Amino acid sequence: MHPLKGIVYKSTGSWYVLRDEKDAMKNARIKGKLKIDTDISSTNPIAVGDFVIYEEESGTENNTMITEIAPRKNYIVRISPHNRNQKHIVAANLDLALVIATLSSPRTSQGFIDRFLITAEAYHIPAIIVINKIDLLKAKQMPALEHWKKMYQEAGYELVVVSALDHQSLEPLIQLLKNKVTLFSGHSGVGKSTLINQLMPEKKLKTAEVSDWSGKGQHTTTFAEMFDLPFGGCIIDTPGVKEFGLIDIRREELSHYFPEIRALINHCKFNNCMHTNEPGCSVKQAVSKGFIDISRYESYLSIMETIEQKW
């Protein structure tokens, strides 16, 4: 039987939607024992963005069977929504990881953004930050927006400010997404589906209003799914998440995933400096002199406290 190649566009956990080499979409299942050339232990063996080998068994209904996953360029994980001790592969073979945040309706916590950025750093995927709903910001919220822009750009991240309802404001983002495979992530209610609808109007993804009483969004995306952009490239839409839990990151590694801290760690007095209470710490000196934003440093300390020491 001649092996066929496809790419996973949608994963429901038991069924997968593939695009074959002729650009046709087909439903597929995993056939028996899957050949996985990886040591990743996760709740989902196949992720959106995976290149797979499949067979079509003649004479049977639902006859497309995935037999093998091609080696991944990269992948990104988060804590499994069903088991906090297991990984869930969010997507594979990415060029960019994008987090959508809002300063109001609802407000995205800096901790959520930083955890997403840490994960992207850990898996060697360039990350960008999109601040949405700027049309809803009041004058008193503008200093907070300017602070975020300065803080993340000085840390080395691309940050784009948009209103998903204003197509003209999306042009800088479109230039970043062209001809790339990009993961879209964010809290429920940050306007992810609205933004995707603006980028590709024919999709008409379901959107939901933010609840007035809670200020929190309603979940509108159930499964990860990839879409082709009309101007070239793809986006992978993911379910809105309440938190982006870190997994398999050690305390002593954490500083390596903050670019502005990583740049200074070789200048500390001690090789095993954790940048907390040690003397001769170049990172603490940079914070005191304003070279590292104190909010990012406080975020580093806060996340450090949440990492369980298992080793």
C-alpha atoms as a PDB file:
ATOM      1  CA  MET A   1       0.000   0.000   0.000  1.00  0.00           C
ATOM      2  CA  HIS A   2       1.458   3.353  -1.056  1.00  0.00           C
ATOM      3  CA  PRO A   3       1.850   5.680   1.952  1.00  0.00           C
ATOM      4  CA  LEU A   4       0.129   9.055   1.632  1.00  0.00           C
ATOM      5  CA  LYS A   5       1.086  12.357   3.280  1.00  0.00           C
ATOM      6  CA  GLY A   6      -1.111  14.980   4.904  1.00  0.00           C
ATOM      7  CA  ILE A   7      -1.141  17.766   7.474  1.00  0.00           C
ATOM      8  CA  VAL A   8      -3.450  17.872  10.483  1.00  0.00           C
ATOM      9  CA  TYR A   9      -5.857  20.810  10.338  1.00  0.00           C
ATOM     10  CA  LYS A  10      -8.148  19.872  13.214  1.00  0.00           C
ATOM     11  CA  SER A  11      -7.970  17.595  16.236  1.00  0.00           C
ATOM     12  CA  THR A  12     -10.973  16.583  18.318  1.00  0.00           C
ATOM     13  CA  GLY A  13      -9.087  14.035  20.379  1.00  0.00           C
ATOM     14  CA  SER A  14     -10.446  10.983  18.584  1.00  0.00           C
ATOM     15  CA  TRP A  15     -10.918  12.259  15.018  1.00  0.00           C
ATOM     16  CA  TYR A  16      -8.583  14.360  12.905  1.00  0.00           C
ATOM     17  CA  VAL A  17      -9.137  16.447   9.794  1.00  0.00           C
ATOM     18  CA  LEU A  18      -6.270  16.178   7.303  1.00  0.00           C
ATOM     19  CA  ARG A  19      -5.413  18.148   4.198  1.00  0.00           C
ATOM     20  CA  ASP A  20      -3.900  15.841   1.627  1.00  0.00           C
ATOM     21  CA  GLU A  21      -1.341  16.642  -1.073  1.00  0.00           C
ATOM     22  CA  LYS A  22      -4.182  17.596  -3.456  1.00  0.00           C
ATOM     23  CA  ASP A  23      -5.587  20.093  -0.916  1.00  0.00           C
ATOM     24  CA  ALA A  24      -8.624  17.900  -0.196  1.00  0.00           C
ATOM     25  CA  MET A  25      -9.875  17.624   3.395  1.00  0.00           C
ATOM     26  CA  LYS A  26     -10.624  14.222   4.910  1.00  0.00           C
ATOM     27  CA  ASN A  27     -11.490  12.761   8.299  1.00  0.00           C
ATOM     28  CA  ALA A  28      -8.996  10.329   9.772  1.00  0.00           C
ATOM     29  CA  ARG A  29      -8.410   8.152  12.801  1.00  0.00           C
ATOM     30  CA  ILE A  30      -5.290   6.675  14.378  1.00  0.00           C
ATOM     31  CA  LYS A  31      -4.589   3.137  13.264  1.00  0.00           C
ATOM     32  CA  GLY A  32      -3.648   0.818  16.113  1.00  0.00           C
ATOM     33  CA  LYS A  33      -0.183   1.502  17.428  1.00  0.00           C
ATOM     34  CA  LEU A  34       1.107   4.766  16.034  1.00  0.00           C
ATOM     35  CA  LYS A  35       4.767   5.083  15.085  1.00  0.00           C
ATOM     36  CA  ILE A  36       5.848   8.175  16.991  1.00  0.00           C
ATOM     37  CA  ASP A  37       9.464   9.229  16.628  1.00  0.00           C
ATOM     38  CA  THR A  38       9.443  11.180  19.889  1.00  0.00           C
ATOM     39  CA  ASP A  39       9.827  10.791  23.620  1.00  0.00           C
ATOM     40  CA  ILE A  40       7.087  13.311  24.392  1.00  0.00           C
ATOM     41  CA  SER A  41       4.573  12.010  26.896  1.00  0.00           C
ATOM     42  CA  SER A  42       1.343  13.895  26.298  1.00  0.00           C
ATOM     43  CA  THR A  43      -2.404  13.464  26.503  1.00  0.00           C
ATOM     44  CA  ASN A  44      -2.676  13.860  22.722  1.00  0.00           C
ATOM     45  CA  PRO A  45      -0.365  11.891  20.404  1.00  0.00           C
ATOM     46  CA  ILE A  46      -1.180  14.034  17.351  1.00  0.00           C
ATOM     47  CA  ALA A  47      -1.487  17.830  17.248  1.00  0.00           C
ATOM     48  CA  VAL A  48      -2.714  20.380  14.737  1.00  0.00           C
ATOM     49  CA  GLY A  49       0.183  21.250  12.439  1.00  0.00           C
ATOM     50  CA  ASP A  50       1.605  17.734  12.456  1.00  0.00           C
ATOM     51  CA  PHE A  51       2.666  16.196   9.149  1.00  0.00           C
ATOM     52  CA  VAL A  52       1.429  12.604   9.058  1.00  0.00           C
ATOM     53  CA  ILE A  53       1.563   9.457   6.962  1.00  0.00           C
ATOM     54  CA  TYR A  54      -1.782   7.776   6.367  1.00  0.00           C
ATOM     55  CA  GLU A  55      -3.353   4.858   4.541  1.00  0.00           C
ATOM     56  CA  GLU A  56      -6.734   4.452   2.888  1.00  0.00           C
ATOM     57  CA  GLU A  57      -8.207   1.007   3.311  1.00  0.00           C
ATOM     58  CA  SER A  58     -10.502   0.168   0.432  1.00  0.00           C
ATOM     59  CA  GLY A  59     -13.874  -1.338   1.081  1.00  0.00           C
ATOM     60  CA  THR A  60     -14.259   0.132   4.567  1.00  0.00           C
ATOM     61  CA  GLU A  61     -16.221   3.086   5.871  1.00  0.00           C
ATOM     62  CA  ASN A  62     -14.177   5.918   7.456  1.00  0.00           C
ATOM     63  CA  ASN A  63     -11.134   4.355   5.854  1.00  0.00           C
ATOM     64  CA  THR A  64      -8.441   7.014   6.372  1.00  0.00           C
ATOM     65  CA  MET A  65      -5.990   5.780   8.993  1.00  0.00           C
ATOM     66  CA  ILE A  66      -2.989   7.748  10.337  1.00  0.00           C
ATOM     67  CA  THR A  67      -0.025   5.399  10.741  1.00  0.00           C
ATOM     68  CA  GLU A  68       2.914   7.693  11.457  1.00  0.00           C
ATOM     69  CA  ILE A  69       3.871  11.234  12.492  1.00  0.00           C
ATOM     70  CA  ALA A  70       6.706  12.914  10.588  1.00  0.00           C
ATOM     71  CA  PRO A  71       9.504  14.425  12.741  1.00  0.00           C
ATOM     72  CA  ARG A  72       8.428  17.793  14.164  1.00  0.00           C
ATOM     73  CA  LYS A  73      10.310  21.038  13.575  1.00  0.00           C
ATOM     74  CA  ASN A  74       9.025  22.143  16.972  1.00  0.00           C
ATOM     75  CA  TYR A  75       5.927  22.048  19.147  1.00  0.00           C
ATOM     76  CA  ILE A  76       4.478  23.916  22.110  1.00  0.00           C
ATOM     77  CA  VAL A  77       2.809  22.456  25.189  1.00  0.00           C
ATOM     78  CA  ARG A  78       0.759  23.505  28.179  1.00  0.00           C
ATOM     79  CA  ILE A  79      -0.605  21.680  31.185  1.00  0.00           C
ATOM     80  CA  SER A  80      -3.330  19.259  30.151  1.00  0.00           C
ATOM     81  CA  PRO A  81      -6.792  20.683  30.950  1.00  0.00           C
ATOM     82  CA  HIS A  82      -7.728  17.232  32.286  1.00  0.00           C
ATOM     83  CA  ASN A  83      -4.593  16.321  34.258  1.00  0.00           C
ATOM     84  CA  ARG A  84      -2.266  18.917  35.756  1.00  0.00           C
ATOM     85  CA  ASN A  85       0.609  16.425  35.793  1.00  0.00           C
ATOM     86  CA  GLN A  86       0.519  15.777  32.055  1.00  0.00           C
ATOM     87  CA  LYS A  87       1.419  17.754  28.952  1.00  0.00           C
ATOM     88  CA  HIS A  88      -0.973  18.676  26.200  1.00  0.00           C
ATOM     89  CA  ILE A  89       0.626  19.490  22.851  1.00  0.00           C
ATOM     90  CA  VAL A  90      -1.102  22.673  21.685  1.00  0.00           C
ATOM     91  CA  ALA A  91       0.320  22.701  18.138  1.00  0.00           C
ATOM     92  CA  ALA A  92       3.341  21.605  16.093  1.00  0.00           C
ATOM     93  CA  ASN A  93       5.615  22.967  13.341  1.00  0.00           C
ATOM     94  CA  LEU A  94       5.152  26.646  14.186  1.00  0.00           C
ATOM     95  CA  ASP A  95       6.880  29.763  12.874  1.00  0.00           C
ATOM     96  CA  LEU A  96       5.277  32.126  15.416  1.00  0.00           C
ATOM     97  CA  ALA A  97       3.376  32.004  18.691  1.00  0.00           C
ATOM     98  CA  LEU A  98       0.969  34.895  19.213  1.00  0.00           C
ATOM     99  CA  VAL A  99      -0.765  35.843  22.441  1.00  0.00           C
ATOM    100  CA  ILE A 100      -3.746  38.182  22.313  1.00  0.00           C
ATOM    101  CA  ALA A 101      -4.235  40.338  25.398  1.00  0.00           C
ATOM    102  CA  THR A 102      -6.598  43.105  26.484  1.00  0.00           C
ATOM    103  CA  LEU A 103      -6.335  45.840  29.088  1.00  0.00           C
ATOM    104  CA  SER A 104     -10.105  45.833  29.674  1.00  0.00           C
ATOM    105  CA  SER A 105     -13.215  43.775  28.881  1.00  0.00           C
ATOM    106  CA  PRO A 106     -11.602  41.535  30.193  1.00  0.00           C
ATOM    107  CA  ARG A 107      -8.187  42.546  31.535  1.00  0.00           C
ATOM    108  CA  THR A 108      -5.439  40.046  30.759  1.00  0.00           C
ATOM    109  CA  SER A 109      -3.051  39.479  33.641  1.00  0.00           C
ATOM    110  CA  GLN A 110       0.622  40.101  33.004  1.00  0.00           C
ATOM    111  CA  GLY A 111       1.246  36.683  34.537  1.00  0.00           C
ATOM    112  CA  PHE A 112      -0.742  35.029  31.735  1.00  0.00           C
ATOM    113  CA  ILE A 113       1.258  36.863  29.056  1.00  0.00           C
ATOM    114  CA  ASP A 114       4.582  36.086  30.711  1.00  0.00           C
ATOM    115  CA  ARG A 115       3.781  32.385  31.132  1.00  0.00           C
ATOM    116  CA  PHE A 116       2.914  32.184  27.450  1.00  0.00           C
ATOM    117  CA  LEU A 117       6.168  33.942  26.522  1.00  0.00           C
ATOM    118  CA  ILE A 118       8.177  31.633  28.800  1.00  0.00           C
ATOM    119  CA  THR A 119       6.668  28.582  27.115  1.00  0.00           C
ATOM    120  CA  ALA A 120       7.413  29.965  23.642  1.00  0.00           C
ATOM    121  CA  GLU A 121      11.021  30.673  24.722  1.00  0.00           C
ATOM    122  CA  ALA A 122      11.377  27.175  26.190  1.00  0.00           C
ATOM    123  CA  TYR A 123      10.274  25.591  22.906  1.00  0.00           C
ATOM    124  CA  HIS A 124      12.304  27.997  20.718  1.00  0.00           C
ATOM    125  CA  ILE A 125       9.308  29.598  18.993  1.00  0.00           C
ATOM    126  CA  PRO A 126       9.385  33.369  18.291  1.00  0.00           C
ATOM    127  CA  ALA A 127       6.528  35.095  20.128  1.00  0.00           C
ATOM    128  CA  ILE A 128       4.585  38.279  19.477  1.00  0.00           C
ATOM    129  CA  ILE A 129       2.053  40.097  21.648  1.00  0.00           C
ATOM    130  CA  VAL A 130      -1.143  41.604  20.251  1.00  0.00           C
ATOM    131  CA  ILE A 131      -3.024  44.102  22.419  1.00  0.00           C
ATOM    132  CA  ASN A 132      -6.637  44.100  21.212  1.00  0.00           C
ATOM    133  CA  LYS A 133      -9.703  46.270  21.925  1.00  0.00           C
ATOM    134  CA  ILE A 134      -7.775  49.532  22.098  1.00  0.00           C
ATOM    135  CA  ASP A 135     -10.984  51.239  20.938  1.00  0.00           C
ATOM    136  CA  LEU A 136     -12.462  50.462  24.381  1.00  0.00           C
ATOM    137  CA  LEU A 137      -9.637  52.029  26.382  1.00  0.00           C
ATOM    138  CA  LYS A 138     -10.335  55.116  28.462  1.00  0.00           C
ATOM    139  CA  ALA A 139      -7.809  57.911  28.904  1.00  0.00           C
ATOM    140  CA  LYS A 140      -6.831  56.662  32.366  1.00  0.00           C
ATOM    141  CA  GLN A 141      -5.847  53.282  30.856  1.00  0.00           C
ATOM    142  CA  MET A 142      -3.454  54.701  28.263  1.00  0.00           C
ATOM    143  CA  PRO A 143      -0.455  54.889  30.649  1.00  0.00           C
ATOM    144  CA  ALA A 144      -0.863  51.154  31.323  1.00  0.00           C
ATOM    145  CA  LEU A 145      -0.840  50.500  27.567  1.00  0.00           C
ATOM    146  CA  GLU A 146       2.297  52.575  27.105  1.00  0.00           C
ATOM    147  CA  HIS A 147       3.945  50.729  30.003  1.00  0.00           C
ATOM    148  CA  TRP A 148       3.214  47.323  28.434  1.00  0.00           C
ATOM    149  CA  LYS A 149       4.510  48.502  25.058  1.00  0.00           C
ATOM    150  CA  LYS A 150       7.763  49.835  26.531  1.00  0.00           C
ATOM    151  CA  MET A 151       8.283  46.863  28.864  1.00  0.00           C
ATOM    152  CA  TYR A 152       7.824  44.117  26.271  1.00  0.00           C
ATOM    153  CA  GLN A 153       9.596  45.902  23.432  1.00  0.00           C
ATOM    154  CA  GLU A 154      12.621  46.529  25.682  1.00  0.00           C
ATOM    155  CA  ALA A 155      12.568  42.820  26.558  1.00  0.00           C
ATOM    156  CA  GLY A 156      12.876  42.105  22.827  1.00  0.00           C
ATOM    157  CA  TYR A 157       9.310  41.240  21.855  1.00  0.00           C
ATOM    158  CA  GLU A 158       7.290  42.474  18.915  1.00  0.00           C
ATOM    159  CA  LEU A 159       4.106  44.101  20.254  1.00  0.00           C
ATOM    160  CA  VAL A 160       1.217  45.158  18.011  1.00  0.00           C
ATOM    161  CA  VAL A 161      -1.748  47.267  19.104  1.00  0.00           C
ATOM    162  CA  VAL A 162      -5.022  46.649  17.242  1.00  0.00           C
ATOM    163  CA  SER A 163      -8.768  46.955  17.289  1.00  0.00           C
ATOM    164  CA  ALA A 164     -10.212  43.781  15.785  1.00  0.00           C
ATOM    165  CA  LEU A 165     -13.188  45.845  14.553  1.00  0.00           C
ATOM    166  CA  ASP A 166     -10.925  48.208  12.584  1.00  0.00           C
ATOM    167  CA  HIS A 167      -9.401  46.359   9.639  1.00  0.00           C
ATOM    168  CA  GLN A 168      -6.965  49.176   8.885  1.00  0.00           C
ATOM    169  CA  SER A 169      -5.319  48.750  12.312  1.00  0.00           C
ATOM    170  CA  LEU A 170      -4.535  45.121  11.421  1.00  0.00           C
ATOM    171  CA  GLU A 171      -2.113  45.887   8.581  1.00  0.00           C
ATOM    172  CA  PRO A 172       1.082  45.660  10.715  1.00  0.00           C
ATOM    173  CA  LEU A 173      -0.153  42.327  12.094  1.00  0.00           C
ATOM    174  CA  ILE A 174      -0.930  41.010   8.606  1.00  0.00           C
ATOM    175  CA  GLN A 175       2.657  41.742   7.555  1.00  0.00           C
ATOM    176  CA  LEU A 176       3.943  39.674  10.508  1.00  0.00           C
ATOM    177  CA  LEU A 177       1.629  36.732   9.725  1.00  0.00           C
ATOM    178  CA  LYS A 178       2.258  36.512   5.974  1.00  0.00           C
ATOM    179  CA  ASN A 179       3.508  33.094   4.846  1.00  0.00           C
ATOM    180  CA  LYS A 180       3.983  31.842   8.424  1.00  0.00           C
ATOM    181  CA  VAL A 181       2.267  29.204  10.551  1.00  0.00           C
ATOM    182  CA  THR A 182       1.145  31.069  13.672  1.00  0.00           C
ATOM    183  CA  LEU A 183      -0.428  29.831  16.885  1.00  0.00           C
ATOM    184  CA  PHE A 184      -3.175  32.127  18.243  1.00  0.00           C
ATOM    185  CA  SER A 185      -3.762  31.994  21.995  1.00  0.00           C
ATOM    186  CA  GLY A 186      -5.439  34.118  24.634  1.00  0.00           C
ATOM    187  CA  HIS A 187      -7.938  34.281  27.454  1.00  0.00           C
ATOM    188  CA  SER A 188     -11.583  33.728  26.569  1.00  0.00           C
ATOM    189  CA  GLY A 189     -13.140  37.063  25.639  1.00  0.00           C
ATOM    190  CA  VAL A 190     -10.033  38.847  24.299  1.00  0.00           C
ATOM    191  CA  GLY A 191     -11.540  38.951  20.792  1.00  0.00           C
ATOM    192  CA  LYS A 192      -9.571  36.119  19.225  1.00  0.00           C
ATOM    193  CA  SER A 193     -12.439  34.886  17.040  1.00  0.00           C
ATOM    194  CA  THR A 194     -13.385  38.450  16.067  1.00  0.00           C
ATOM    195  CA  LEU A 195      -9.797  39.104  15.046  1.00  0.00           C
ATOM    196  CA  ILE A 196      -9.649  35.911  12.977  1.00  0.00           C
ATOM    197  CA  ASN A 197     -12.936  36.865  11.288  1.00  0.00           C
ATOM    198  CA  GLN A 198     -11.357  40.184  10.263  1.00  0.00           C
ATOM    199  CA  LEU A 199      -8.266  38.434   8.889  1.00  0.00           C
ATOM    200  CA  MET A 200     -10.380  35.913   6.962  1.00  0.00           C
ATOM    201  CA  PRO A 201     -14.006  37.116   6.714  1.00  0.00           C
ATOM    202  CA  GLU A 202     -15.264  34.007   4.917  1.00  0.00           C
ATOM    203  CA  LYS A 203     -14.731  31.879   8.043  1.00  0.00           C
ATOM    204  CA  LYS A 204     -17.378  33.622  10.176  1.00  0.00           C
ATOM    205  CA  LEU A 205     -16.174  32.010  13.403  1.00  0.00           C
ATOM    206  CA  LYS A 206     -18.621  32.054  16.258  1.00  0.00           C
ATOM    207  CA  THR A 207     -17.997  34.897  18.714  1.00  0.00           C
ATOM    208  CA  ALA A 208     -19.422  35.646  22.144  1.00  0.00           C
ATOM    209  CA  GLU A 209     -19.947  38.789  24.187  1.00  0.00           C
ATOM    210  CA  VAL A 210     -18.004  39.343  27.377  1.00  0.00           C
ATOM    211  CA  SER A 211     -20.246  38.777  30.384  1.00  0.00           C
ATOM    212  CA  ASP A 212     -21.119  42.130  31.976  1.00  0.00           C
ATOM    213  CA  TRP A 213     -21.265  40.806  35.517  1.00  0.00           C
ATOM    214  CA  SER A 214     -18.013  38.869  35.467  1.00  0.00           C
ATOM    215  CA  GLY A 215     -15.987  40.752  32.851  1.00  0.00           C
ATOM    216  CA  LYS A 216     -14.950  37.341  31.525  1.00  0.00           C
ATOM    217  CA  GLY A 217     -15.358  35.910  28.071  1.00  0.00           C
ATOM    218  CA  GLN A 218     -17.347  32.894  27.003  1.00  0.00           C
ATOM    219  CA  HIS A 219     -15.557  29.956  25.371  1.00  0.00           C
ATOM    220  CA  THR A 220     -16.304  29.885  21.646  1.00  0.00           C
ATOM    221  CA  THR A 221     -13.547  27.594  20.325  1.00  0.00           C
ATOM    222  CA  THR A 222     -13.743  23.946  21.411  1.00  0.00           C
ATOM    223  CA  PHE A 223     -10.901  22.309  19.486  1.00  0.00           C
ATOM    224  CA  ALA A 224      -7.632  23.503  18.006  1.00  0.00           C
ATOM    225  CA  GLU A 225      -8.007  24.147  14.276  1.00  0.00           C
ATOM    226  CA  MET A 226      -5.807  25.492  11.474  1.00  0.00           C
ATOM    227  CA  PHE A 227      -7.002  27.953   8.838  1.00  0.00           C
ATOM    228  CA  ASP A 228      -5.354  29.146   5.626  1.00  0.00           C
ATOM    229  CA  LEU A 229      -4.904  32.917   5.477  1.00  0.00           C
ATOM    230  CA  PRO A 230      -5.993  34.622   2.241  1.00  0.00           C
ATOM    231  CA  PHE A 231      -2.693  36.541   2.066  1.00  0.00           C
ATOM    232  CA  GLY A 232      -0.496  33.461   2.618  1.00  0.00           C
ATOM    233  CA  GLY A 233       0.309  31.446   5.700  1.00  0.00           C
ATOM    234  CA  CYS A 234      -1.853  29.702   8.304  1.00  0.00           C
ATOM    235  CA  ILE A 235      -3.147  30.369  11.784  1.00  0.00           C
ATOM    236  CA  ILE A 236      -3.912  27.758  14.415  1.00  0.00           C
ATOM    237  CA  ASP A 237      -6.828  28.810  16.600  1.00  0.00           C
ATOM    238  CA  THR A 238      -6.904  27.338  20.104  1.00  0.00           C
ATOM    239  CA  PRO A 239      -9.584  27.225  22.808  1.00  0.00           C
ATOM    240  CA  GLY A 240      -9.554  30.236  25.109  1.00  0.00           C
ATOM    241  CA  VAL A 241      -7.677  29.335  28.276  1.00  0.00           C
ATOM    242  CA  LYS A 242      -8.050  30.679  31.809  1.00  0.00           C
ATOM    243  CA  GLU A 243      -4.373  30.174  32.572  1.00  0.00           C
ATOM    244  CA  PHE A 244      -1.301  29.050  30.688  1.00  0.00           C
ATOM    245  CA  GLY A 245       0.193  26.533  33.067  1.00  0.00           C
ATOM    246  CA  LEU A 246       3.915  25.824  32.859  1.00  0.00           C
ATOM    247  CA  ILE A 247       5.092  22.234  32.890  1.00  0.00           C
ATOM    248  CA  ASP A 248       8.577  20.696  33.040  1.00  0.00           C
ATOM    249  CA  ILE A 249      10.330  24.020  33.666  1.00  0.00           C
ATOM    250  CA  ARG A 250      12.775  24.061  36.581  1.00  0.00           C
ATOM    251  CA  ARG A 251      13.362  27.000  38.882  1.00  0.00           C
ATOM    252  CA  GLU A 252      17.012  27.252  37.880  1.00  0.00           C
ATOM    253  CA  GLU A 253      15.999  27.379  34.192  1.00  0.00           C
ATOM    254  CA  LEU A 254      13.396  30.121  34.521  1.00  0.00           C
ATOM    255  CA  SER A 255      15.784  33.062  34.086  1.00  0.00           C
ATOM    256  CA  HIS A 256      16.813  31.677  30.674  1.00  0.00           C
ATOM    257  CA  TYR A 257      13.264  32.266  29.403  1.00  0.00           C
ATOM    258  CA  PHE A 258      13.196  35.998  30.228  1.00  0.00           C
ATOM    259  CA  PRO A 259      15.353  37.473  27.403  1.00  0.00           C
ATOM    260  CA  GLU A 260      16.287  40.622  29.311  1.00  0.00           C
ATOM    261  CA  ILE A 261      17.384  38.532  32.327  1.00  0.00           C
ATOM    262  CA  ARG A 262      19.121  35.918  30.177  1.00  0.00           C
ATOM    263  CA  ALA A 263      21.334  38.643  28.696  1.00  0.00           C
ATOM    264  CA  LEU A 264      22.824  39.363  32.130  1.00  0.00           C
ATOM    265  CA  ILE A 265      23.086  36.003  33.888  1.00  0.00           C
ATOM    266  CA  ASN A 266      26.754  35.469  32.953  1.00  0.00           C
ATOM    267  CA  HIS A 267      27.654  38.673  34.803  1.00  0.00           C
ATOM    268  CA  CYS A 268      26.375  37.510  38.191  1.00  0.00           C
ATOM    269  CA  LYS A 269      28.922  36.757  40.918  1.00  0.00           C
ATOM    270  CA  PHE A 270      27.686  33.184  41.323  1.00  0.00           C
ATOM    271  CA  ASN A 271      27.134  30.720  38.491  1.00  0.00           C
ATOM    272  CA  ASN A 272      24.018  29.321  40.180  1.00  0.00           C
ATOM    273  CA  CYS A 273      22.527  32.738  40.965  1.00  0.00           C
ATOM    274  CA  MET A 274      18.717  32.627  41.118  1.00  0.00           C
ATOM    275  CA  HIS A 275      18.501  36.460  41.072  1.00  0.00           C
ATOM    276  CA  THR A 276      16.589  36.637  44.324  1.00  0.00           C
ATOM    277  CA  ASN A 277      18.744  37.315  47.407  1.00  0.00           C
ATOM    278  CA  GLU A 278      22.274  36.590  46.206  1.00  0.00           C
ATOM    279  CA  PRO A 279      25.033  39.233  46.489  1.00  0.00           C
ATOM    280  CA  GLY A 280      26.672  40.472  43.294  1.00  0.00           C
ATOM    281  CA  CYS A 281      23.566  39.762  41.187  1.00  0.00           C
ATOM    282  CA  SER A 282      23.732  41.655  37.883  1.00  0.00           C
ATOM    283  CA  VAL A 283      19.991  41.198  37.339  1.00  0.00           C
ATOM    284  CA  LYS A 284      19.012  42.878  40.617  1.00  0.00           C
ATOM    285  CA  GLN A 285      21.447  45.697  39.831  1.00  0.00           C
ATOM    286  CA  ALA A 286      19.815  46.158  36.412  1.00  0.00           C
ATOM    287  CA  VAL A 287      16.370  46.287  38.041  1.00  0.00           C
ATOM    288  CA  SER A 288      17.501  48.909  40.574  1.00  0.00           C
ATOM    289  CA  LYS A 289      18.951  51.035  37.759  1.00  0.00           C
ATOM    290  CA  GLY A 290      15.787  50.716  35.631  1.00  0.00           C
ATOM    291  CA  PHE A 291      17.395  48.645  32.870  1.00  0.00           C
ATOM    292  CA  ILE A 292      14.986  45.782  33.566  1.00  0.00           C
ATOM    293  CA  ASP A 293      11.347  46.681  34.173  1.00  0.00           C
ATOM    294  CA  ILE A 294      10.447  45.994  37.796  1.00  0.00           C
ATOM    295  CA  SER A 295       7.080  44.490  36.737  1.00  0.00           C
ATOM    296  CA  ARG A 296       8.867  41.834  34.688  1.00  0.00           C
ATOM    297  CA  TYR A 297      11.250  41.111  37.563  1.00  0.00           C
ATOM    298  CA  GLU A 298       8.335  40.802  39.990  1.00  0.00           C
ATOM    299  CA  SER A 299       6.635  38.488  37.488  1.00  0.00           C
ATOM    300  CA  TYR A 300       9.811  36.370  37.405  1.00  0.00           C
ATOM    301  CA  LEU A 301       9.801  36.101  41.210  1.00  0.00           C
ATOM    302  CA  SER A 302       6.078  35.332  41.322  1.00  0.00           C
ATOM    303  CA  ILE A 303       6.333  32.574  38.711  1.00  0.00           C
ATOM    304  CA  MET A 304       9.416  31.180  40.471  1.00  0.00           C
ATOM    305  CA  GLU A 305       7.306  30.749  43.622  1.00  0.00           C
ATOM    306  CA  THR A 306       4.686  28.720  41.734  1.00  0.00           C
ATOM    307  CA  ILE A 307       7.163  26.212  40.263  1.00  0.00           C
ATOM    308  CA  GLU A 308       7.203  23.075  42.355  1.00  0.00           C
ATOM    309  CA  GLN A 309      10.687  21.831  43.105  1.00  0.00           C
ATOM    310  CA  LYS A 310      10.545  18.191  41.967  1.00  0.00           C
ATOM    311  CA  TRP A 311      14.248  17.628  41.331  1.00  0.00           C
END
